[in-house]
């Protein structure tokens, strides 16, 4: 039958889906991978609601395998990722064929697979540029990298899901950054970056033309 990438067992996938439904909303659609390498990554879509008037996308599959974390960081072995898009973002199947609409979902898939393909780990505060030198994700944005942070626009209890005594899944928001913001974090460090992040009242909802705080210092 050949090798197949790891997938959640049914009990664990059901637990994760219930967790998403409880704290974010019931997924209306799932983008299932047809072909998977290393790990099987699906993306669940929660449509805008009165309480959360934006699209939310959450991965499922990144936590089917432990990441290769350094000694002492075992609590971060299992993670899933999420991203939020404005309610007017074009998300139909036809519209997602355009990279200007699709790139956030492609980013989720790439990041969820990255630590398993390269034997590394991703956690809060980690940044990743889109190439070297960093390239814009699409021709309608100047975002060219990301930072992972605990999500703000959720109930705090959503951020961790205890599966059993040996496994806790951490949820991180993918925050797209401008080149100057990546440079700011590298130059000034995480704590100073977070102060700027808070000063500009940022969260995980992507706004294509938001202010670039890396230019404000």
N, C-alpha and C. Protein backbone atom coordinates (compact mmCIF):
# COMPACT_ATOMS: atom_id res chain seq x y z
N UNK A 1 0.83 -1.21 0.00
CA UNK A 1 0.00 0.00 0.00
C UNK A 1 0.86 1.26 0.00
N UNK A 2 2.12 1.16 0.41
CA UNK A 2 2.98 2.32 0.39
C UNK A 2 2.82 3.19 1.62
N UNK A 3 3.72 4.17 1.74
CA UNK A 3 3.73 5.06 2.91
C UNK A 3 2.64 6.10 2.80
N UNK A 4 2.03 6.43 3.92
CA UNK A 4 1.04 7.50 3.97
C UNK A 4 1.41 8.45 5.09
N UNK A 5 1.17 9.76 4.89
CA UNK A 5 1.51 10.74 5.93
C UNK A 5 0.62 10.57 7.15
N UNK A 6 1.11 10.94 8.33
CA UNK A 6 0.31 10.81 9.54
C UNK A 6 -0.97 11.65 9.46
N UNK A 7 -2.03 11.12 10.00
CA UNK A 7 -3.29 11.86 10.12
C UNK A 7 -3.81 11.63 11.53
N UNK A 8 -4.70 12.51 11.96
CA UNK A 8 -5.31 12.35 13.27
C UNK A 8 -6.15 11.08 13.32
N UNK A 9 -6.16 10.43 14.48
CA UNK A 9 -7.16 9.40 14.65
C UNK A 9 -8.51 10.08 14.82
N UNK A 10 -9.57 9.34 14.63
CA UNK A 10 -10.90 9.94 14.59
C UNK A 10 -11.26 10.63 15.90
N UNK A 11 -10.85 10.04 17.03
CA UNK A 11 -11.18 10.64 18.33
C UNK A 11 -10.50 11.99 18.50
N UNK A 12 -9.25 12.07 18.08
CA UNK A 12 -8.51 13.33 18.22
C UNK A 12 -9.02 14.40 17.27
N UNK A 13 -9.35 14.01 16.05
CA UNK A 13 -9.88 14.99 15.10
C UNK A 13 -11.23 15.51 15.57
N UNK A 14 -12.04 14.64 16.15
CA UNK A 14 -13.34 15.06 16.67
C UNK A 14 -13.16 16.02 17.84
N UNK A 15 -12.19 15.74 18.70
CA UNK A 15 -11.90 16.62 19.83
C UNK A 15 -11.47 18.00 19.34
N UNK A 16 -10.63 18.03 18.33
CA UNK A 16 -10.15 19.30 17.79
C UNK A 16 -11.29 20.08 17.14
N UNK A 17 -12.14 19.40 16.39
CA UNK A 17 -13.27 20.06 15.75
C UNK A 17 -14.24 20.64 16.78
N UNK A 18 -14.49 19.90 17.85
CA UNK A 18 -15.37 20.40 18.91
C UNK A 18 -14.76 21.62 19.59
N UNK A 19 -13.46 21.62 19.75
CA UNK A 19 -12.75 22.74 20.35
C UNK A 19 -12.90 23.99 19.48
N UNK A 20 -12.72 23.83 18.17
CA UNK A 20 -12.89 24.95 17.24
C UNK A 20 -14.33 25.46 17.27
N UNK A 21 -15.27 24.53 17.24
CA UNK A 21 -16.69 24.91 17.22
C UNK A 21 -17.08 25.64 18.50
N UNK A 22 -16.54 25.21 19.62
CA UNK A 22 -16.91 25.81 20.91
C UNK A 22 -16.42 27.25 21.01
N UNK A 23 -15.20 27.51 20.56
CA UNK A 23 -14.60 28.81 20.81
C UNK A 23 -14.59 29.75 19.60
N UNK A 24 -14.76 29.22 18.39
CA UNK A 24 -14.74 30.08 17.21
C UNK A 24 -16.04 29.98 16.43
N UNK A 25 -16.50 28.79 16.19
CA UNK A 25 -17.73 28.58 15.43
C UNK A 25 -17.65 27.29 14.66
N UNK A 26 -18.77 26.85 14.15
CA UNK A 26 -18.83 25.60 13.42
C UNK A 26 -18.23 25.77 12.03
N UNK A 27 -17.23 24.98 11.68
CA UNK A 27 -16.66 25.08 10.33
C UNK A 27 -17.71 24.80 9.27
N UNK A 28 -17.71 25.64 8.23
CA UNK A 28 -18.66 25.46 7.14
C UNK A 28 -18.05 24.66 6.00
N UNK A 29 -16.72 24.60 5.99
CA UNK A 29 -16.05 23.93 4.88
C UNK A 29 -14.66 23.49 5.31
N UNK A 30 -14.18 22.43 4.71
CA UNK A 30 -12.83 21.96 4.99
C UNK A 30 -12.09 21.79 3.67
N UNK A 31 -10.91 22.38 3.60
CA UNK A 31 -10.04 22.21 2.43
C UNK A 31 -9.15 21.00 2.69
N UNK A 32 -9.57 19.86 2.15
CA UNK A 32 -8.84 18.61 2.38
C UNK A 32 -7.74 18.44 1.34
N UNK A 33 -6.56 18.05 1.80
CA UNK A 33 -5.48 17.76 0.87
C UNK A 33 -5.76 16.46 0.12
N UNK A 34 -5.54 16.50 -1.17
CA UNK A 34 -5.69 15.29 -1.98
C UNK A 34 -4.39 14.50 -1.95
N UNK A 35 -3.27 15.20 -2.08
CA UNK A 35 -1.96 14.56 -2.00
C UNK A 35 -1.18 15.20 -0.87
N UNK A 36 -0.59 14.39 0.00
CA UNK A 36 0.15 14.91 1.13
C UNK A 36 1.54 14.30 1.17
N UNK A 37 2.48 15.11 1.63
CA UNK A 37 3.86 14.65 1.80
C UNK A 37 4.29 15.00 3.22
N UNK A 38 4.83 14.06 3.94
CA UNK A 38 5.30 14.22 5.32
C UNK A 38 4.14 14.24 6.31
N UNK A 39 3.26 15.24 6.21
CA UNK A 39 2.06 15.31 7.04
C UNK A 39 0.87 15.67 6.17
N UNK A 40 -0.31 15.33 6.66
CA UNK A 40 -1.55 15.65 5.95
C UNK A 40 -2.15 16.88 6.60
N UNK A 41 -2.24 17.99 5.86
CA UNK A 41 -2.73 19.25 6.40
C UNK A 41 -4.07 19.61 5.77
N UNK A 42 -5.11 19.72 6.58
CA UNK A 42 -6.39 20.24 6.14
C UNK A 42 -6.59 21.62 6.75
N UNK A 43 -7.44 22.42 6.13
CA UNK A 43 -7.75 23.75 6.65
C UNK A 43 -9.26 23.86 6.80
N UNK A 44 -9.69 24.23 8.00
CA UNK A 44 -11.12 24.39 8.28
C UNK A 44 -11.50 25.85 8.26
N UNK A 45 -12.63 26.13 7.60
CA UNK A 45 -13.09 27.50 7.38
C UNK A 45 -14.32 27.78 8.24
N UNK A 46 -14.22 28.80 9.07
CA UNK A 46 -15.36 29.27 9.86
C UNK A 46 -15.78 30.61 9.29
N UNK A 47 -16.98 30.70 8.79
CA UNK A 47 -17.46 31.90 8.11
C UNK A 47 -17.72 33.03 9.11
N UNK A 48 -17.78 34.27 8.61
CA UNK A 48 -18.09 35.40 9.49
C UNK A 48 -19.42 35.23 10.20
N UNK A 49 -19.49 35.70 11.42
CA UNK A 49 -20.71 35.65 12.20
C UNK A 49 -20.93 37.01 12.84
N UNK A 50 -22.03 37.16 13.54
CA UNK A 50 -22.31 38.43 14.21
C UNK A 50 -21.25 38.70 15.28
N UNK A 51 -20.80 37.65 15.95
CA UNK A 51 -19.82 37.81 17.01
C UNK A 51 -18.40 37.96 16.46
N UNK A 52 -18.11 37.22 15.40
CA UNK A 52 -16.78 37.28 14.78
C UNK A 52 -16.97 37.58 13.29
N UNK A 53 -17.00 38.88 12.97
CA UNK A 53 -17.35 39.29 11.60
C UNK A 53 -16.15 39.25 10.67
N UNK A 54 -15.57 38.07 10.55
CA UNK A 54 -14.44 37.85 9.65
C UNK A 54 -14.28 36.35 9.47
N UNK A 55 -13.60 35.98 8.40
CA UNK A 55 -13.32 34.57 8.13
C UNK A 55 -12.18 34.10 9.04
N UNK A 56 -12.33 32.87 9.53
CA UNK A 56 -11.26 32.26 10.32
C UNK A 56 -10.90 30.92 9.69
N UNK A 57 -9.61 30.69 9.50
CA UNK A 57 -9.12 29.44 8.95
C UNK A 57 -8.17 28.80 9.95
N UNK A 58 -8.39 27.51 10.24
CA UNK A 58 -7.59 26.80 11.24
C UNK A 58 -7.06 25.51 10.62
N UNK A 59 -5.78 25.24 10.84
CA UNK A 59 -5.20 24.01 10.30
C UNK A 59 -5.57 22.81 11.17
N UNK A 60 -5.55 21.65 10.55
CA UNK A 60 -5.65 20.39 11.27
C UNK A 60 -4.68 19.41 10.62
N UNK A 61 -3.72 18.96 11.40
CA UNK A 61 -2.75 18.01 10.88
C UNK A 61 -1.33 18.32 11.31
N UNK A 62 -1.03 19.58 11.55
CA UNK A 62 0.31 19.95 12.01
C UNK A 62 0.65 19.22 13.31
N UNK A 63 -0.33 19.06 14.18
CA UNK A 63 -0.09 18.43 15.48
C UNK A 63 -0.22 16.92 15.45
N UNK A 64 -0.36 16.33 14.25
CA UNK A 64 -0.40 14.87 14.18
C UNK A 64 0.99 14.27 14.42
N UNK A 65 2.02 15.11 14.33
CA UNK A 65 3.39 14.70 14.62
C UNK A 65 4.02 15.72 15.58
N UNK A 66 4.88 15.25 16.49
CA UNK A 66 5.59 16.20 17.35
C UNK A 66 6.66 16.94 16.56
N UNK A 67 6.87 18.20 16.89
CA UNK A 67 7.96 18.95 16.28
C UNK A 67 9.26 18.65 17.03
N UNK A 68 10.36 18.93 16.39
CA UNK A 68 11.68 18.67 16.95
C UNK A 68 12.10 19.87 17.81
N UNK A 69 11.54 19.94 19.02
CA UNK A 69 11.78 21.09 19.89
C UNK A 69 13.08 20.90 20.69
N UNK A 70 13.72 22.01 21.09
CA UNK A 70 14.93 21.91 21.92
C UNK A 70 14.58 21.34 23.30
N UNK A 71 15.58 20.83 23.97
CA UNK A 71 15.39 20.32 25.32
C UNK A 71 14.87 21.43 26.22
N UNK A 72 13.86 21.11 27.01
CA UNK A 72 13.26 22.10 27.89
C UNK A 72 12.06 22.80 27.29
N UNK A 73 11.79 22.57 26.01
CA UNK A 73 10.66 23.22 25.32
C UNK A 73 9.59 22.21 24.91
N UNK A 74 9.53 21.12 25.65
CA UNK A 74 8.63 20.02 25.25
C UNK A 74 7.16 20.42 25.22
N UNK A 75 6.78 21.45 25.96
CA UNK A 75 5.37 21.86 25.98
C UNK A 75 4.91 22.43 24.64
N UNK A 76 5.86 22.71 23.73
CA UNK A 76 5.52 23.31 22.44
C UNK A 76 5.63 22.32 21.30
N UNK A 77 5.64 21.03 21.59
CA UNK A 77 5.85 20.02 20.55
C UNK A 77 4.70 19.94 19.54
N UNK A 78 3.49 20.29 19.99
CA UNK A 78 2.30 20.12 19.14
C UNK A 78 1.60 21.46 18.95
N UNK A 79 1.38 21.83 17.71
CA UNK A 79 0.74 23.11 17.42
C UNK A 79 -0.17 23.02 16.20
N UNK A 80 -1.11 23.93 16.14
CA UNK A 80 -1.91 24.20 14.95
C UNK A 80 -1.91 25.71 14.73
N UNK A 81 -2.23 26.13 13.52
CA UNK A 81 -2.16 27.53 13.14
C UNK A 81 -3.52 28.06 12.70
N UNK A 82 -3.68 29.38 12.80
CA UNK A 82 -4.92 30.00 12.35
C UNK A 82 -4.61 31.35 11.72
N UNK A 83 -5.54 31.80 10.90
CA UNK A 83 -5.41 33.10 10.27
C UNK A 83 -6.81 33.66 10.09
N UNK A 84 -6.96 34.98 10.18
CA UNK A 84 -8.27 35.62 10.05
C UNK A 84 -8.25 36.61 8.89
N UNK A 85 -9.31 36.59 8.09
CA UNK A 85 -9.42 37.45 6.92
C UNK A 85 -10.70 38.27 6.99
N UNK A 86 -10.69 39.49 6.47
CA UNK A 86 -11.89 40.34 6.50
C UNK A 86 -13.09 39.65 5.87
N UNK A 87 -14.29 40.06 6.30
CA UNK A 87 -15.52 39.42 5.83
C UNK A 87 -15.69 39.55 4.32
N UNK A 88 -15.12 40.58 3.71
CA UNK A 88 -15.28 40.76 2.27
C UNK A 88 -14.16 40.12 1.45
N UNK A 89 -13.30 39.32 2.10
CA UNK A 89 -12.23 38.62 1.38
C UNK A 89 -12.87 37.61 0.42
N UNK A 90 -12.35 37.49 -0.76
CA UNK A 90 -12.92 36.59 -1.77
C UNK A 90 -12.46 35.15 -1.48
N UNK A 91 -13.39 34.29 -1.12
CA UNK A 91 -13.02 32.93 -0.69
C UNK A 91 -13.75 31.82 -1.45
N UNK A 92 -14.42 32.14 -2.54
CA UNK A 92 -15.05 31.07 -3.31
C UNK A 92 -13.97 30.24 -3.99
N UNK A 93 -14.31 29.03 -4.41
CA UNK A 93 -13.34 28.16 -5.06
C UNK A 93 -12.72 28.85 -6.26
N UNK A 94 -13.53 29.53 -7.05
CA UNK A 94 -13.04 30.22 -8.24
C UNK A 94 -12.10 31.36 -7.85
N UNK A 95 -12.49 32.12 -6.84
CA UNK A 95 -11.70 33.29 -6.43
C UNK A 95 -10.37 32.89 -5.79
N UNK A 96 -10.35 31.73 -5.13
CA UNK A 96 -9.12 31.27 -4.49
C UNK A 96 -8.09 30.74 -5.50
N UNK A 97 -8.47 30.65 -6.76
CA UNK A 97 -7.49 30.30 -7.79
C UNK A 97 -6.57 31.47 -8.10
N UNK A 98 -6.97 32.66 -7.65
CA UNK A 98 -6.16 33.86 -7.80
C UNK A 98 -5.27 33.99 -6.57
N UNK A 99 -3.96 34.05 -6.75
CA UNK A 99 -3.04 34.09 -5.62
C UNK A 99 -3.27 35.31 -4.73
N UNK A 100 -3.83 36.37 -5.26
CA UNK A 100 -4.12 37.56 -4.44
C UNK A 100 -5.14 37.25 -3.35
N UNK A 101 -5.94 36.22 -3.58
CA UNK A 101 -6.91 35.78 -2.57
C UNK A 101 -6.42 34.56 -1.79
N UNK A 102 -5.63 33.71 -2.47
CA UNK A 102 -5.26 32.42 -1.90
C UNK A 102 -4.06 32.47 -0.96
N UNK A 103 -3.17 33.46 -1.10
CA UNK A 103 -1.88 33.37 -0.42
C UNK A 103 -1.96 33.13 1.09
N UNK A 104 -2.97 33.67 1.83
CA UNK A 104 -3.00 33.35 3.27
C UNK A 104 -3.20 31.85 3.54
N UNK A 105 -4.01 31.18 2.71
CA UNK A 105 -4.23 29.75 2.90
C UNK A 105 -2.99 28.96 2.51
N UNK A 106 -2.33 29.38 1.44
CA UNK A 106 -1.09 28.74 1.05
C UNK A 106 -0.03 28.89 2.12
N UNK A 107 -0.03 30.06 2.76
CA UNK A 107 0.91 30.32 3.85
C UNK A 107 0.65 29.39 5.03
N UNK A 108 -0.62 29.20 5.38
CA UNK A 108 -0.97 28.28 6.47
C UNK A 108 -0.43 26.88 6.18
N UNK A 109 -0.67 26.39 4.97
CA UNK A 109 -0.23 25.04 4.62
C UNK A 109 1.29 24.92 4.67
N UNK A 110 1.97 25.91 4.11
CA UNK A 110 3.43 25.86 4.10
C UNK A 110 3.99 25.86 5.52
N UNK A 111 3.48 26.74 6.37
CA UNK A 111 3.99 26.84 7.74
C UNK A 111 3.67 25.59 8.56
N UNK A 112 2.49 25.02 8.36
CA UNK A 112 2.11 23.82 9.11
C UNK A 112 2.98 22.63 8.76
N UNK A 113 3.46 22.60 7.53
CA UNK A 113 4.30 21.50 7.07
C UNK A 113 5.79 21.73 7.35
N UNK A 114 6.18 23.00 7.42
CA UNK A 114 7.59 23.37 7.48
C UNK A 114 8.39 22.67 8.59
N UNK A 115 7.96 22.69 9.85
CA UNK A 115 8.80 22.09 10.89
C UNK A 115 9.00 20.59 10.72
N UNK A 116 8.02 19.91 10.13
CA UNK A 116 8.13 18.47 9.95
C UNK A 116 9.03 18.12 8.77
N UNK A 117 9.03 18.97 7.77
CA UNK A 117 9.87 18.71 6.61
C UNK A 117 11.34 19.01 6.88
N UNK A 118 11.58 19.94 7.81
CA UNK A 118 12.95 20.38 8.05
C UNK A 118 13.47 20.01 9.44
N UNK A 119 12.73 19.20 10.17
CA UNK A 119 13.19 18.72 11.47
C UNK A 119 13.42 19.84 12.48
N UNK A 120 12.54 20.84 12.48
CA UNK A 120 12.70 21.97 13.37
C UNK A 120 11.39 22.21 14.12
N UNK A 121 11.18 23.44 14.59
CA UNK A 121 9.95 23.73 15.32
C UNK A 121 9.55 25.17 15.07
N UNK A 122 8.27 25.46 15.31
CA UNK A 122 7.73 26.81 15.23
C UNK A 122 6.93 27.07 16.50
N UNK A 123 7.08 28.26 17.04
CA UNK A 123 6.35 28.61 18.26
C UNK A 123 6.17 30.12 18.30
N UNK A 124 5.61 30.63 19.40
CA UNK A 124 5.34 32.06 19.50
C UNK A 124 6.65 32.85 19.43
N UNK A 125 6.56 33.96 18.71
CA UNK A 125 7.71 34.83 18.55
C UNK A 125 8.62 34.47 17.39
N UNK A 126 8.40 33.31 16.78
CA UNK A 126 9.21 32.93 15.64
C UNK A 126 8.78 33.72 14.41
N UNK A 127 9.75 34.23 13.66
CA UNK A 127 9.48 34.94 12.42
C UNK A 127 10.03 34.14 11.25
N UNK A 128 9.46 34.38 10.07
CA UNK A 128 9.95 33.73 8.86
C UNK A 128 9.72 34.65 7.68
N UNK A 129 10.80 35.07 7.00
CA UNK A 129 10.64 35.89 5.80
C UNK A 129 10.24 35.01 4.62
N UNK A 130 9.65 35.62 3.63
CA UNK A 130 9.28 34.90 2.41
C UNK A 130 10.43 34.96 1.42
N UNK A 131 11.45 34.15 1.69
CA UNK A 131 12.63 34.11 0.84
C UNK A 131 13.70 35.08 1.32
N UNK A 132 14.79 35.10 0.60
CA UNK A 132 15.92 35.98 0.93
C UNK A 132 16.54 36.52 -0.35
N UNK A 133 16.31 37.80 -0.64
CA UNK A 133 15.57 38.78 0.17
C UNK A 133 14.07 38.49 0.16
N UNK A 134 13.35 38.97 1.17
CA UNK A 134 11.91 38.68 1.27
C UNK A 134 11.13 39.20 0.06
N UNK A 135 10.23 38.36 -0.43
CA UNK A 135 9.37 38.71 -1.57
C UNK A 135 7.93 38.88 -1.10
N UNK A 136 7.21 39.80 -1.74
CA UNK A 136 5.80 40.00 -1.41
C UNK A 136 5.01 38.72 -1.69
N UNK A 137 4.04 38.43 -0.83
CA UNK A 137 3.24 37.21 -1.00
C UNK A 137 2.37 37.28 -2.25
N UNK A 138 1.98 38.48 -2.63
CA UNK A 138 1.13 38.66 -3.82
C UNK A 138 1.32 40.09 -4.31
N UNK A 139 0.82 40.38 -5.50
CA UNK A 139 1.03 41.71 -6.06
C UNK A 139 0.08 42.77 -5.50
N UNK A 140 -0.79 42.37 -4.58
CA UNK A 140 -1.70 43.34 -3.95
C UNK A 140 -1.33 43.61 -2.49
N UNK A 141 -0.14 43.15 -2.06
CA UNK A 141 0.28 43.39 -0.68
C UNK A 141 1.80 43.51 -0.62
N UNK A 142 2.27 44.24 0.38
CA UNK A 142 3.71 44.34 0.61
C UNK A 142 4.15 43.45 1.77
N UNK A 143 3.23 42.65 2.31
CA UNK A 143 3.62 41.68 3.33
C UNK A 143 4.60 40.68 2.71
N UNK A 144 5.67 40.39 3.47
CA UNK A 144 6.69 39.49 2.91
C UNK A 144 7.31 38.60 3.99
N UNK A 145 6.60 38.40 5.08
CA UNK A 145 7.07 37.52 6.15
C UNK A 145 6.00 37.42 7.20
N UNK A 146 6.27 36.61 8.24
CA UNK A 146 5.26 36.41 9.29
C UNK A 146 5.93 36.33 10.66
N UNK A 147 5.10 36.51 11.67
CA UNK A 147 5.47 36.15 13.03
C UNK A 147 4.32 35.33 13.59
N UNK A 148 4.63 34.36 14.43
CA UNK A 148 3.61 33.57 15.11
C UNK A 148 3.40 34.13 16.50
N UNK A 149 2.14 34.37 16.85
CA UNK A 149 1.79 34.90 18.17
C UNK A 149 0.53 34.22 18.68
N UNK A 150 0.34 34.18 19.99
CA UNK A 150 -0.94 33.69 20.51
C UNK A 150 -2.06 34.58 19.99
N UNK A 151 -3.17 34.01 19.53
CA UNK A 151 -4.27 34.83 19.02
C UNK A 151 -4.89 35.70 20.11
N UNK A 152 -5.36 36.87 19.71
CA UNK A 152 -5.98 37.83 20.62
C UNK A 152 -7.50 37.78 20.51
N UNK A 153 -8.01 37.56 19.30
CA UNK A 153 -9.45 37.65 19.05
C UNK A 153 -10.19 36.35 19.37
N UNK A 154 -9.77 35.69 20.44
CA UNK A 154 -10.40 34.44 20.87
C UNK A 154 -10.48 34.41 22.39
N UNK A 155 -11.34 33.54 22.89
CA UNK A 155 -11.34 33.25 24.31
C UNK A 155 -9.98 32.64 24.67
N UNK A 156 -9.41 33.06 25.77
CA UNK A 156 -8.09 32.59 26.16
C UNK A 156 -8.01 31.07 26.27
N UNK A 157 -9.14 30.42 26.58
CA UNK A 157 -9.14 28.97 26.74
C UNK A 157 -8.97 28.24 25.40
N UNK A 158 -9.14 28.97 24.31
CA UNK A 158 -8.96 28.34 23.00
C UNK A 158 -7.49 28.04 22.71
N UNK A 159 -6.59 28.82 23.28
CA UNK A 159 -5.19 28.81 22.89
C UNK A 159 -4.50 27.48 23.15
N UNK A 160 -4.97 26.71 24.12
CA UNK A 160 -4.40 25.39 24.40
C UNK A 160 -5.51 24.35 24.48
N UNK A 161 -5.28 23.22 23.85
CA UNK A 161 -6.21 22.09 23.92
C UNK A 161 -5.46 20.89 24.48
N UNK A 162 -5.84 20.47 25.68
CA UNK A 162 -5.22 19.30 26.29
C UNK A 162 -5.89 18.04 25.76
N UNK A 163 -5.14 17.27 25.00
CA UNK A 163 -5.66 16.03 24.41
C UNK A 163 -5.59 14.90 25.42
N UNK A 164 -4.44 14.77 26.06
CA UNK A 164 -4.24 13.79 27.13
C UNK A 164 -3.05 14.26 27.96
N UNK A 165 -2.60 13.46 28.89
CA UNK A 165 -1.54 13.92 29.79
C UNK A 165 -0.20 14.09 29.08
N UNK A 166 -0.09 13.50 27.90
CA UNK A 166 1.17 13.60 27.15
C UNK A 166 1.10 14.57 25.96
N UNK A 167 -0.07 15.12 25.70
CA UNK A 167 -0.21 15.94 24.50
C UNK A 167 -1.12 17.13 24.73
N UNK A 168 -0.58 18.31 24.51
CA UNK A 168 -1.35 19.55 24.52
C UNK A 168 -1.07 20.27 23.21
N UNK A 169 -2.13 20.65 22.51
CA UNK A 169 -1.99 21.37 21.24
C UNK A 169 -2.06 22.87 21.50
N UNK A 170 -1.06 23.59 21.01
CA UNK A 170 -1.01 25.04 21.11
C UNK A 170 -1.50 25.65 19.80
N UNK A 171 -2.27 26.71 19.89
CA UNK A 171 -2.77 27.40 18.70
C UNK A 171 -2.07 28.74 18.57
N UNK A 172 -1.53 28.99 17.36
CA UNK A 172 -0.85 30.26 17.11
C UNK A 172 -1.47 30.95 15.91
N UNK A 173 -1.54 32.27 16.00
CA UNK A 173 -2.01 33.08 14.88
C UNK A 173 -0.84 33.43 13.98
N UNK A 174 -1.07 33.38 12.69
CA UNK A 174 -0.08 33.78 11.70
C UNK A 174 -0.30 35.26 11.39
N UNK A 175 0.69 36.09 11.70
CA UNK A 175 0.58 37.53 11.52
C UNK A 175 1.52 37.95 10.39
N UNK A 176 0.99 38.35 9.24
CA UNK A 176 1.86 38.82 8.15
C UNK A 176 2.56 40.14 8.53
N UNK A 177 3.80 40.27 8.09
CA UNK A 177 4.61 41.45 8.42
C UNK A 177 5.20 42.08 7.17
N UNK A 178 5.48 43.38 7.30
CA UNK A 178 6.26 44.08 6.30
C UNK A 178 7.75 43.82 6.57
N UNK A 179 8.58 44.04 5.56
CA UNK A 179 10.02 43.83 5.72
C UNK A 179 10.58 44.66 6.86
N UNK A 180 10.13 45.91 6.98
CA UNK A 180 10.65 46.79 8.02
C UNK A 180 10.28 46.30 9.42
N UNK A 181 9.14 45.61 9.53
CA UNK A 181 8.73 45.06 10.83
C UNK A 181 9.58 43.83 11.19
N UNK A 182 9.90 43.02 10.19
CA UNK A 182 10.80 41.89 10.43
C UNK A 182 12.16 42.41 10.88
N UNK A 183 12.65 43.44 10.17
CA UNK A 183 13.93 44.03 10.52
C UNK A 183 13.90 44.62 11.94
N UNK A 184 12.78 45.24 12.29
CA UNK A 184 12.64 45.85 13.62
C UNK A 184 12.76 44.78 14.70
N UNK A 185 12.09 43.65 14.48
CA UNK A 185 12.13 42.57 15.47
C UNK A 185 13.55 42.01 15.60
N UNK A 186 14.22 41.83 14.48
CA UNK A 186 15.59 41.31 14.51
C UNK A 186 16.54 42.28 15.18
N UNK A 187 16.32 43.57 14.98
CA UNK A 187 17.22 44.59 15.53
C UNK A 187 16.95 44.88 17.00
N UNK A 188 15.68 44.94 17.38
CA UNK A 188 15.31 45.39 18.73
C UNK A 188 14.88 44.27 19.66
N UNK A 189 14.59 43.09 19.11
CA UNK A 189 14.18 41.97 19.95
C UNK A 189 12.68 41.83 20.09
N UNK A 190 12.29 40.69 20.63
CA UNK A 190 10.88 40.34 20.73
C UNK A 190 10.09 41.28 21.62
N UNK A 191 10.63 41.61 22.79
CA UNK A 191 9.88 42.45 23.74
C UNK A 191 9.56 43.82 23.17
N UNK A 192 10.53 44.43 22.51
CA UNK A 192 10.30 45.74 21.89
C UNK A 192 9.30 45.63 20.74
N UNK A 193 9.40 44.52 19.99
CA UNK A 193 8.45 44.28 18.90
C UNK A 193 7.03 44.22 19.44
N UNK A 194 6.83 43.47 20.53
CA UNK A 194 5.49 43.32 21.09
C UNK A 194 4.96 44.64 21.62
N UNK A 195 5.82 45.48 22.16
CA UNK A 195 5.39 46.81 22.61
C UNK A 195 4.85 47.61 21.43
N UNK A 196 5.55 47.56 20.30
CA UNK A 196 5.07 48.24 19.10
C UNK A 196 3.77 47.62 18.60
N UNK A 197 3.71 46.31 18.64
CA UNK A 197 2.53 45.57 18.20
C UNK A 197 1.31 46.04 18.99
N UNK A 198 1.48 46.16 20.31
CA UNK A 198 0.37 46.61 21.16
C UNK A 198 0.07 48.09 20.93
N UNK A 199 1.09 48.88 20.75
CA UNK A 199 0.92 50.32 20.53
C UNK A 199 0.07 50.59 19.29
N UNK A 200 0.25 49.76 18.27
CA UNK A 200 -0.50 49.94 17.03
C UNK A 200 -1.81 49.15 17.03
N UNK A 201 -2.16 48.60 18.21
CA UNK A 201 -3.44 47.91 18.40
C UNK A 201 -3.65 46.82 17.34
N UNK A 202 -2.62 46.01 17.11
CA UNK A 202 -2.69 44.96 16.11
C UNK A 202 -3.28 43.67 16.67
N UNK A 203 -3.81 42.86 15.78
CA UNK A 203 -4.33 41.54 16.14
C UNK A 203 -4.16 40.64 14.93
N UNK A 204 -4.78 39.45 14.97
CA UNK A 204 -4.55 38.47 13.91
C UNK A 204 -5.41 38.66 12.67
N UNK A 205 -6.29 39.67 12.65
CA UNK A 205 -7.10 39.94 11.46
C UNK A 205 -6.25 40.66 10.42
N UNK A 206 -6.08 40.05 9.26
CA UNK A 206 -5.24 40.64 8.21
C UNK A 206 -5.93 41.85 7.60
N UNK A 207 -5.21 42.95 7.56
CA UNK A 207 -5.66 44.16 6.87
C UNK A 207 -4.56 44.50 5.86
N UNK A 208 -4.87 44.36 4.60
CA UNK A 208 -3.85 44.44 3.56
C UNK A 208 -3.07 45.76 3.58
N UNK A 209 -3.73 46.83 3.92
CA UNK A 209 -3.09 48.15 3.85
C UNK A 209 -2.89 48.77 5.22
N UNK A 210 -2.73 47.93 6.24
CA UNK A 210 -2.54 48.49 7.57
C UNK A 210 -1.21 49.25 7.65
N UNK A 211 -1.10 50.09 8.67
CA UNK A 211 0.10 50.90 8.84
C UNK A 211 1.31 50.01 9.12
N UNK A 212 2.44 50.40 8.62
CA UNK A 212 3.70 49.67 8.79
C UNK A 212 4.45 50.26 9.98
N UNK A 213 4.37 49.58 11.15
CA UNK A 213 5.00 50.17 12.33
C UNK A 213 6.53 50.09 12.28
N UNK A 214 7.06 49.32 11.36
CA UNK A 214 8.50 49.27 11.21
C UNK A 214 9.08 50.57 10.67
N UNK A 215 8.21 51.43 10.14
CA UNK A 215 8.65 52.72 9.62
C UNK A 215 8.50 53.83 10.65
N UNK A 216 8.03 53.46 11.84
CA UNK A 216 7.69 54.47 12.85
C UNK A 216 8.69 54.54 13.97
N UNK A 217 9.95 54.28 13.73
CA UNK A 217 10.95 54.37 14.79
C UNK A 217 12.21 55.06 14.30
